[in-house]
N, C-alpha and C. Protein backbone atom coordinates (compact mmCIF):
# COMPACT_ATOMS: atom_id res chain seq x y z
N UNK A 1 -41.47 30.83 46.67
CA UNK A 1 -41.16 29.53 46.12
C UNK A 1 -40.96 29.58 44.61
N UNK A 2 -41.08 30.76 44.01
CA UNK A 2 -40.85 30.88 42.57
C UNK A 2 -39.39 30.64 42.23
N UNK A 3 -38.54 30.81 43.19
CA UNK A 3 -37.11 30.63 42.95
C UNK A 3 -36.74 29.18 42.68
N UNK A 4 -37.45 28.23 43.28
CA UNK A 4 -37.13 26.82 43.13
C UNK A 4 -37.23 26.35 41.67
N UNK A 5 -38.31 26.64 40.93
CA UNK A 5 -38.35 26.20 39.53
C UNK A 5 -37.22 26.81 38.70
N UNK A 6 -36.88 28.06 38.97
CA UNK A 6 -35.78 28.70 38.23
C UNK A 6 -34.46 28.03 38.56
N UNK A 7 -34.26 27.67 39.81
CA UNK A 7 -33.03 26.99 40.23
C UNK A 7 -32.92 25.62 39.57
N UNK A 8 -34.03 24.89 39.55
CA UNK A 8 -34.04 23.57 38.91
C UNK A 8 -33.73 23.71 37.42
N UNK A 9 -34.35 24.67 36.76
CA UNK A 9 -34.12 24.89 35.33
C UNK A 9 -32.66 25.26 35.07
N UNK A 10 -32.09 26.10 35.91
CA UNK A 10 -30.69 26.50 35.76
C UNK A 10 -29.77 25.31 35.95
N UNK A 11 -30.02 24.49 36.95
CA UNK A 11 -29.19 23.31 37.19
C UNK A 11 -29.30 22.32 36.03
N UNK A 12 -30.49 22.15 35.48
CA UNK A 12 -30.66 21.25 34.34
C UNK A 12 -29.90 21.77 33.13
N UNK A 13 -29.93 23.07 32.90
CA UNK A 13 -29.21 23.66 31.78
C UNK A 13 -27.71 23.47 31.95
N UNK A 14 -27.20 23.74 33.14
CA UNK A 14 -25.77 23.55 33.40
C UNK A 14 -25.38 22.09 33.24
N UNK A 15 -26.22 21.19 33.69
CA UNK A 15 -25.94 19.76 33.56
C UNK A 15 -25.88 19.35 32.09
N UNK A 16 -26.81 19.84 31.28
CA UNK A 16 -26.82 19.47 29.87
C UNK A 16 -25.62 20.09 29.15
N UNK A 17 -25.20 21.29 29.55
CA UNK A 17 -24.02 21.90 28.94
C UNK A 17 -22.77 21.12 29.30
N UNK A 18 -22.68 20.64 30.53
CA UNK A 18 -21.51 19.86 30.94
C UNK A 18 -21.46 18.56 30.16
N UNK A 19 -22.60 17.91 29.96
CA UNK A 19 -22.63 16.67 29.18
C UNK A 19 -22.24 16.95 27.74
N UNK A 20 -22.71 18.06 27.20
CA UNK A 20 -22.37 18.42 25.82
C UNK A 20 -20.86 18.62 25.70
N UNK A 21 -20.27 19.33 26.65
CA UNK A 21 -18.84 19.61 26.59
C UNK A 21 -18.02 18.33 26.67
N UNK A 22 -18.47 17.34 27.43
CA UNK A 22 -17.73 16.10 27.59
C UNK A 22 -17.80 15.23 26.34
N UNK A 23 -18.68 15.55 25.41
CA UNK A 23 -18.85 14.77 24.18
C UNK A 23 -18.27 15.49 22.97
N UNK A 24 -17.70 16.66 23.18
CA UNK A 24 -17.12 17.45 22.10
C UNK A 24 -15.75 17.95 22.51
N UNK A 25 -14.85 17.96 21.55
CA UNK A 25 -13.49 18.46 21.78
C UNK A 25 -13.22 19.53 20.74
N UNK A 26 -12.77 20.68 21.18
CA UNK A 26 -12.37 21.75 20.26
C UNK A 26 -10.88 22.00 20.45
N UNK A 27 -10.14 21.90 19.36
CA UNK A 27 -8.70 22.06 19.41
C UNK A 27 -8.26 23.00 18.29
N UNK A 28 -7.40 23.94 18.64
CA UNK A 28 -6.79 24.82 17.65
C UNK A 28 -5.34 24.41 17.46
N UNK A 29 -4.87 24.53 16.24
CA UNK A 29 -3.47 24.33 15.90
C UNK A 29 -3.07 25.54 15.06
N UNK A 30 -1.77 25.75 14.91
CA UNK A 30 -1.32 26.89 14.12
C UNK A 30 -0.01 26.59 13.43
N UNK A 31 0.77 27.63 13.23
CA UNK A 31 2.05 27.47 12.54
C UNK A 31 3.18 27.11 13.50
N UNK A 32 2.83 26.51 14.59
CA UNK A 32 3.80 26.02 15.58
C UNK A 32 3.43 24.57 15.89
N UNK A 33 4.24 23.90 16.65
CA UNK A 33 4.02 22.48 16.94
C UNK A 33 3.28 22.29 18.25
N UNK A 34 2.05 22.80 18.32
CA UNK A 34 1.28 22.67 19.55
C UNK A 34 -0.21 22.47 19.26
N UNK A 35 -0.84 21.68 20.11
CA UNK A 35 -2.30 21.63 20.18
C UNK A 35 -2.70 22.63 21.26
N UNK A 36 -3.83 23.30 21.09
CA UNK A 36 -4.28 24.25 22.12
C UNK A 36 -4.65 23.53 23.41
N UNK A 37 -5.01 22.28 23.32
CA UNK A 37 -5.35 21.48 24.50
C UNK A 37 -4.46 20.24 24.50
N UNK A 38 -3.72 20.05 25.58
CA UNK A 38 -2.86 18.87 25.67
C UNK A 38 -3.43 17.81 26.60
N UNK A 39 -4.61 18.08 27.14
CA UNK A 39 -5.29 17.11 27.97
C UNK A 39 -6.79 17.37 27.88
N UNK A 40 -7.54 16.35 27.48
CA UNK A 40 -8.99 16.47 27.40
C UNK A 40 -9.62 15.24 28.05
N UNK A 41 -10.85 15.40 28.49
CA UNK A 41 -11.60 14.29 29.07
C UNK A 41 -12.92 14.17 28.33
N UNK A 42 -13.26 12.94 27.96
CA UNK A 42 -14.55 12.65 27.34
C UNK A 42 -15.25 11.59 28.18
N UNK A 43 -16.53 11.47 27.98
CA UNK A 43 -17.31 10.51 28.73
C UNK A 43 -17.66 9.31 27.84
N UNK A 44 -17.41 8.12 28.33
CA UNK A 44 -17.76 6.89 27.62
C UNK A 44 -19.26 6.88 27.31
N UNK A 45 -20.06 7.41 28.23
CA UNK A 45 -21.51 7.41 28.06
C UNK A 45 -21.99 8.26 26.89
N UNK A 46 -21.12 9.07 26.31
CA UNK A 46 -21.51 9.88 25.15
C UNK A 46 -21.93 8.99 23.98
N UNK A 47 -21.29 7.84 23.85
CA UNK A 47 -21.57 6.99 22.70
C UNK A 47 -20.73 7.36 21.51
N UNK A 48 -20.62 8.66 21.26
CA UNK A 48 -19.72 9.16 20.23
C UNK A 48 -19.20 10.53 20.66
N UNK A 49 -18.03 10.85 20.15
CA UNK A 49 -17.37 12.11 20.48
C UNK A 49 -17.07 12.83 19.17
N UNK A 50 -17.25 14.13 19.16
CA UNK A 50 -16.92 14.93 17.98
C UNK A 50 -15.71 15.79 18.30
N UNK A 51 -14.71 15.72 17.43
CA UNK A 51 -13.52 16.56 17.52
C UNK A 51 -13.62 17.61 16.43
N UNK A 52 -13.47 18.87 16.81
CA UNK A 52 -13.42 19.99 15.88
C UNK A 52 -12.04 20.60 15.97
N UNK A 53 -11.32 20.63 14.85
CA UNK A 53 -9.96 21.17 14.84
C UNK A 53 -9.87 22.30 13.83
N UNK A 54 -9.26 23.39 14.26
CA UNK A 54 -9.11 24.58 13.42
C UNK A 54 -7.64 24.96 13.36
N UNK A 55 -7.15 25.20 12.14
CA UNK A 55 -5.75 25.63 11.93
C UNK A 55 -5.77 27.15 11.83
N UNK A 56 -5.28 27.82 12.85
CA UNK A 56 -5.32 29.28 12.91
C UNK A 56 -4.12 29.94 12.24
N UNK A 57 -3.20 29.13 11.72
CA UNK A 57 -2.01 29.68 11.08
C UNK A 57 -2.24 30.07 9.64
N UNK A 58 -1.14 30.32 8.94
CA UNK A 58 -1.21 30.75 7.55
C UNK A 58 -0.52 29.78 6.59
N UNK A 59 0.33 28.90 7.10
CA UNK A 59 1.11 28.02 6.24
C UNK A 59 0.26 26.88 5.67
N UNK A 60 0.60 26.46 4.45
CA UNK A 60 -0.14 25.41 3.75
C UNK A 60 0.01 24.05 4.43
N UNK A 61 -0.91 23.17 4.14
CA UNK A 61 -0.90 21.82 4.72
C UNK A 61 0.37 21.06 4.35
N UNK A 62 0.92 21.31 3.17
CA UNK A 62 2.13 20.59 2.75
C UNK A 62 3.38 21.09 3.47
N UNK A 63 3.30 22.27 4.09
CA UNK A 63 4.44 22.86 4.79
C UNK A 63 4.31 22.71 6.31
N UNK A 64 3.15 23.05 6.86
CA UNK A 64 2.91 22.99 8.30
C UNK A 64 1.52 22.44 8.57
N UNK A 65 1.25 21.28 7.97
CA UNK A 65 -0.04 20.65 8.16
C UNK A 65 -0.11 19.93 9.50
N UNK A 66 -1.33 19.77 9.97
CA UNK A 66 -1.55 19.07 11.23
C UNK A 66 -2.76 18.16 11.11
N UNK A 67 -2.70 17.05 11.81
CA UNK A 67 -3.85 16.17 11.97
C UNK A 67 -3.97 15.81 13.45
N UNK A 68 -4.96 15.03 13.79
CA UNK A 68 -5.21 14.59 15.16
C UNK A 68 -5.47 13.10 15.07
N UNK A 69 -4.56 12.31 15.61
CA UNK A 69 -4.66 10.86 15.52
C UNK A 69 -4.69 10.28 16.93
N UNK A 70 -5.73 9.53 17.23
CA UNK A 70 -5.94 8.96 18.57
C UNK A 70 -5.58 7.48 18.57
N UNK A 71 -4.74 7.09 19.54
CA UNK A 71 -4.33 5.70 19.70
C UNK A 71 -4.22 5.38 21.18
N UNK A 72 -4.06 4.11 21.48
CA UNK A 72 -3.67 3.74 22.84
C UNK A 72 -2.27 4.31 23.08
N UNK A 73 -1.98 4.62 24.31
CA UNK A 73 -0.70 5.24 24.66
C UNK A 73 0.49 4.45 24.11
N UNK A 74 0.46 3.14 24.22
CA UNK A 74 1.58 2.31 23.80
C UNK A 74 1.77 2.28 22.28
N UNK A 75 0.76 2.65 21.52
CA UNK A 75 0.82 2.55 20.06
C UNK A 75 1.18 3.85 19.34
N UNK A 76 1.17 4.95 20.03
CA UNK A 76 1.30 6.26 19.38
C UNK A 76 2.58 6.41 18.57
N UNK A 77 3.72 6.05 19.13
CA UNK A 77 4.99 6.25 18.41
C UNK A 77 5.07 5.40 17.16
N UNK A 78 4.65 4.14 17.24
CA UNK A 78 4.72 3.27 16.07
C UNK A 78 3.73 3.68 14.99
N UNK A 79 2.53 4.10 15.39
CA UNK A 79 1.54 4.57 14.41
C UNK A 79 2.08 5.81 13.70
N UNK A 80 2.69 6.73 14.44
CA UNK A 80 3.26 7.93 13.82
C UNK A 80 4.39 7.55 12.87
N UNK A 81 5.22 6.62 13.26
CA UNK A 81 6.32 6.18 12.42
C UNK A 81 5.81 5.55 11.12
N UNK A 82 4.83 4.70 11.23
CA UNK A 82 4.26 4.07 10.04
C UNK A 82 3.47 5.08 9.19
N UNK A 83 3.00 6.13 9.82
CA UNK A 83 2.29 7.18 9.09
C UNK A 83 3.18 7.90 8.10
N UNK A 84 4.47 7.99 8.41
CA UNK A 84 5.41 8.65 7.49
C UNK A 84 5.39 7.95 6.14
N UNK A 85 5.40 6.63 6.15
CA UNK A 85 5.39 5.86 4.90
C UNK A 85 4.06 6.03 4.16
N UNK A 86 2.99 6.30 4.87
CA UNK A 86 1.67 6.47 4.24
C UNK A 86 1.62 7.74 3.39
N UNK A 87 2.37 8.76 3.78
CA UNK A 87 2.47 9.99 3.00
C UNK A 87 1.30 10.94 3.15
N UNK A 88 1.50 12.13 2.59
CA UNK A 88 0.51 13.20 2.67
C UNK A 88 -0.82 12.79 2.03
N UNK A 89 -0.77 12.06 0.93
CA UNK A 89 -2.00 11.63 0.25
C UNK A 89 -2.90 10.82 1.18
N UNK A 90 -2.31 10.15 2.16
CA UNK A 90 -3.06 9.36 3.15
C UNK A 90 -3.09 10.04 4.51
N UNK A 91 -2.82 11.34 4.53
CA UNK A 91 -2.86 12.13 5.76
C UNK A 91 -1.88 11.65 6.82
N UNK A 92 -0.81 10.99 6.38
CA UNK A 92 0.21 10.43 7.28
C UNK A 92 -0.38 9.49 8.32
N UNK A 93 -1.38 8.73 7.90
CA UNK A 93 -2.01 7.73 8.76
C UNK A 93 -1.95 6.39 8.03
N UNK A 94 -1.39 5.37 8.67
CA UNK A 94 -1.30 4.07 8.01
C UNK A 94 -2.69 3.48 7.73
N UNK A 95 -2.96 3.19 6.48
CA UNK A 95 -4.28 2.67 6.09
C UNK A 95 -4.56 1.33 6.76
N UNK A 96 -5.79 1.20 7.26
CA UNK A 96 -6.23 -0.06 7.84
C UNK A 96 -5.59 -0.45 9.15
N UNK A 97 -4.88 0.46 9.79
CA UNK A 97 -4.22 0.14 11.06
C UNK A 97 -5.25 0.16 12.18
N UNK A 98 -5.54 -1.00 12.74
CA UNK A 98 -6.58 -1.12 13.76
C UNK A 98 -6.23 -0.39 15.05
N UNK A 99 -4.98 0.02 15.21
CA UNK A 99 -4.59 0.75 16.42
C UNK A 99 -5.03 2.21 16.38
N UNK A 100 -5.41 2.69 15.20
CA UNK A 100 -5.89 4.07 15.06
C UNK A 100 -7.37 4.08 15.44
N UNK A 101 -7.67 4.76 16.54
CA UNK A 101 -9.05 4.84 17.02
C UNK A 101 -9.82 5.90 16.25
N UNK A 102 -9.15 7.01 15.96
CA UNK A 102 -9.76 8.10 15.20
C UNK A 102 -8.64 8.94 14.59
N UNK A 103 -8.92 9.54 13.45
CA UNK A 103 -7.92 10.38 12.79
C UNK A 103 -8.60 11.38 11.88
N UNK A 104 -8.08 12.60 11.90
CA UNK A 104 -8.56 13.63 10.98
C UNK A 104 -7.66 13.66 9.75
N UNK A 105 -8.10 14.42 8.78
CA UNK A 105 -7.25 14.69 7.63
C UNK A 105 -6.23 15.75 8.03
N UNK A 106 -5.20 15.90 7.23
CA UNK A 106 -4.21 16.98 7.42
C UNK A 106 -4.85 18.29 6.97
N UNK A 107 -4.71 19.33 7.80
CA UNK A 107 -5.22 20.65 7.42
C UNK A 107 -4.10 21.68 7.52
N UNK A 108 -4.24 22.73 6.73
CA UNK A 108 -3.29 23.84 6.75
C UNK A 108 -3.97 25.12 7.20
N UNK A 109 -3.22 26.22 7.12
CA UNK A 109 -3.69 27.51 7.58
C UNK A 109 -5.07 27.89 7.08
N UNK A 110 -5.95 28.30 8.00
CA UNK A 110 -7.29 28.74 7.67
C UNK A 110 -8.30 27.62 7.49
N UNK A 111 -7.85 26.38 7.57
CA UNK A 111 -8.76 25.25 7.36
C UNK A 111 -9.25 24.68 8.69
N UNK A 112 -10.36 23.96 8.61
CA UNK A 112 -10.94 23.28 9.76
C UNK A 112 -11.34 21.88 9.34
N UNK A 113 -11.44 21.00 10.32
CA UNK A 113 -11.93 19.65 10.07
C UNK A 113 -12.65 19.16 11.32
N UNK A 114 -13.55 18.23 11.13
CA UNK A 114 -14.28 17.61 12.24
C UNK A 114 -14.40 16.12 11.97
N UNK A 115 -14.35 15.36 13.03
CA UNK A 115 -14.63 13.93 12.95
C UNK A 115 -15.48 13.54 14.14
N UNK A 116 -16.26 12.51 13.97
CA UNK A 116 -17.02 11.93 15.07
C UNK A 116 -16.63 10.47 15.16
N UNK A 117 -16.30 10.02 16.36
CA UNK A 117 -15.90 8.64 16.54
C UNK A 117 -16.62 8.03 17.74
N UNK A 118 -16.77 6.73 17.69
CA UNK A 118 -17.48 5.99 18.73
C UNK A 118 -16.61 5.86 19.98
N UNK A 119 -17.25 5.83 21.12
CA UNK A 119 -16.52 5.60 22.37
C UNK A 119 -16.42 4.11 22.68
N UNK A 120 -16.92 3.25 21.81
CA UNK A 120 -16.91 1.81 22.05
C UNK A 120 -15.51 1.26 22.30
N UNK A 121 -14.51 1.79 21.59
CA UNK A 121 -13.14 1.28 21.72
C UNK A 121 -12.40 1.89 22.92
N UNK A 122 -13.05 2.80 23.64
CA UNK A 122 -12.41 3.47 24.77
C UNK A 122 -12.83 2.82 26.09
N UNK A 123 -11.91 2.71 27.01
CA UNK A 123 -12.19 2.13 28.33
C UNK A 123 -12.28 3.23 29.38
N UNK A 124 -13.28 3.15 30.25
CA UNK A 124 -13.42 4.10 31.35
C UNK A 124 -12.15 4.03 32.20
N UNK A 125 -11.60 5.19 32.50
CA UNK A 125 -10.36 5.27 33.26
C UNK A 125 -9.13 5.15 32.38
N UNK A 126 -9.35 4.86 31.12
CA UNK A 126 -8.24 4.71 30.19
C UNK A 126 -7.63 6.04 29.80
N UNK A 127 -6.35 5.99 29.44
CA UNK A 127 -5.64 7.16 28.93
C UNK A 127 -5.15 6.83 27.53
N UNK A 128 -5.45 7.71 26.62
CA UNK A 128 -5.08 7.53 25.23
C UNK A 128 -4.27 8.75 24.79
N UNK A 129 -3.44 8.56 23.79
CA UNK A 129 -2.66 9.68 23.27
C UNK A 129 -3.21 10.12 21.93
N UNK A 130 -3.21 11.43 21.73
CA UNK A 130 -3.45 11.95 20.39
C UNK A 130 -2.19 12.68 19.96
N UNK A 131 -1.83 12.48 18.70
CA UNK A 131 -0.61 13.04 18.15
C UNK A 131 -0.89 13.59 16.77
N UNK A 132 -0.02 14.48 16.34
CA UNK A 132 -0.01 14.92 14.95
C UNK A 132 1.04 14.07 14.25
N UNK A 133 0.65 13.37 13.19
CA UNK A 133 1.58 12.46 12.53
C UNK A 133 2.26 13.08 11.31
N UNK A 134 2.11 14.38 11.11
CA UNK A 134 2.88 15.07 10.07
C UNK A 134 4.36 14.86 10.39
N UNK A 135 5.21 14.66 9.39
CA UNK A 135 6.63 14.36 9.65
C UNK A 135 7.30 15.32 10.64
N UNK A 136 7.88 14.73 11.69
CA UNK A 136 8.61 15.49 12.69
C UNK A 136 7.77 16.09 13.80
N UNK A 137 6.45 15.97 13.72
CA UNK A 137 5.59 16.62 14.71
C UNK A 137 5.23 15.73 15.90
N UNK A 138 5.20 14.43 15.74
CA UNK A 138 4.57 13.54 16.72
C UNK A 138 5.24 13.50 18.09
N UNK A 139 6.52 13.80 18.17
CA UNK A 139 7.20 13.69 19.47
C UNK A 139 6.96 14.90 20.36
N UNK A 140 6.55 16.02 19.77
CA UNK A 140 6.26 17.20 20.59
C UNK A 140 4.80 17.60 20.53
N UNK A 141 4.12 17.22 19.48
CA UNK A 141 2.73 17.62 19.29
C UNK A 141 1.84 16.45 19.67
N UNK A 142 1.52 16.40 20.97
CA UNK A 142 0.74 15.28 21.50
C UNK A 142 -0.05 15.73 22.72
N UNK A 143 -1.03 14.93 23.06
CA UNK A 143 -1.85 15.21 24.23
C UNK A 143 -2.47 13.93 24.74
N UNK A 144 -3.11 14.03 25.88
CA UNK A 144 -3.74 12.88 26.53
C UNK A 144 -5.25 13.04 26.51
N UNK A 145 -5.93 11.96 26.12
CA UNK A 145 -7.38 11.90 26.19
C UNK A 145 -7.73 10.94 27.33
N UNK A 146 -8.43 11.45 28.32
CA UNK A 146 -8.87 10.66 29.47
C UNK A 146 -10.34 10.29 29.27
N UNK A 147 -10.73 9.12 29.73
CA UNK A 147 -12.10 8.65 29.55
C UNK A 147 -12.78 8.49 30.90
N UNK A 148 -13.86 9.23 31.07
CA UNK A 148 -14.68 9.12 32.26
C UNK A 148 -15.90 8.25 31.97
N UNK A 149 -16.70 8.03 32.99
CA UNK A 149 -17.89 7.19 32.83
C UNK A 149 -18.92 7.90 31.99
């Protein structure tokens, strides 16, 4: 019967790791127009989610910079369009736009950034888009964030 406590401990560890993974997103970007993950799932029950983004390329932020901007699916194109007018100084994100749920700064080669955002604005079963709003990137550099319970 010594096996039962070890089994319970192993299941608890796996369960806690699964919960941890659902509350954290790790994404790599590089000198191409792609996110390493084009579909992620987070849990509403997390309360907050942390996104960690790493630029594995070599080009500067002003040349091949990337950010991660989360919006409702219907708002992504307009937010990206308005981000162009905001410029690099504002990370190509329109200031004060309530449709932006979360956004990172623009990063270039060798840089990393992290943000933590609340799940309060997310609906269980909802699908949200994340895009890079650097000029010319948003139509190909995008992914879906799904929300579980």
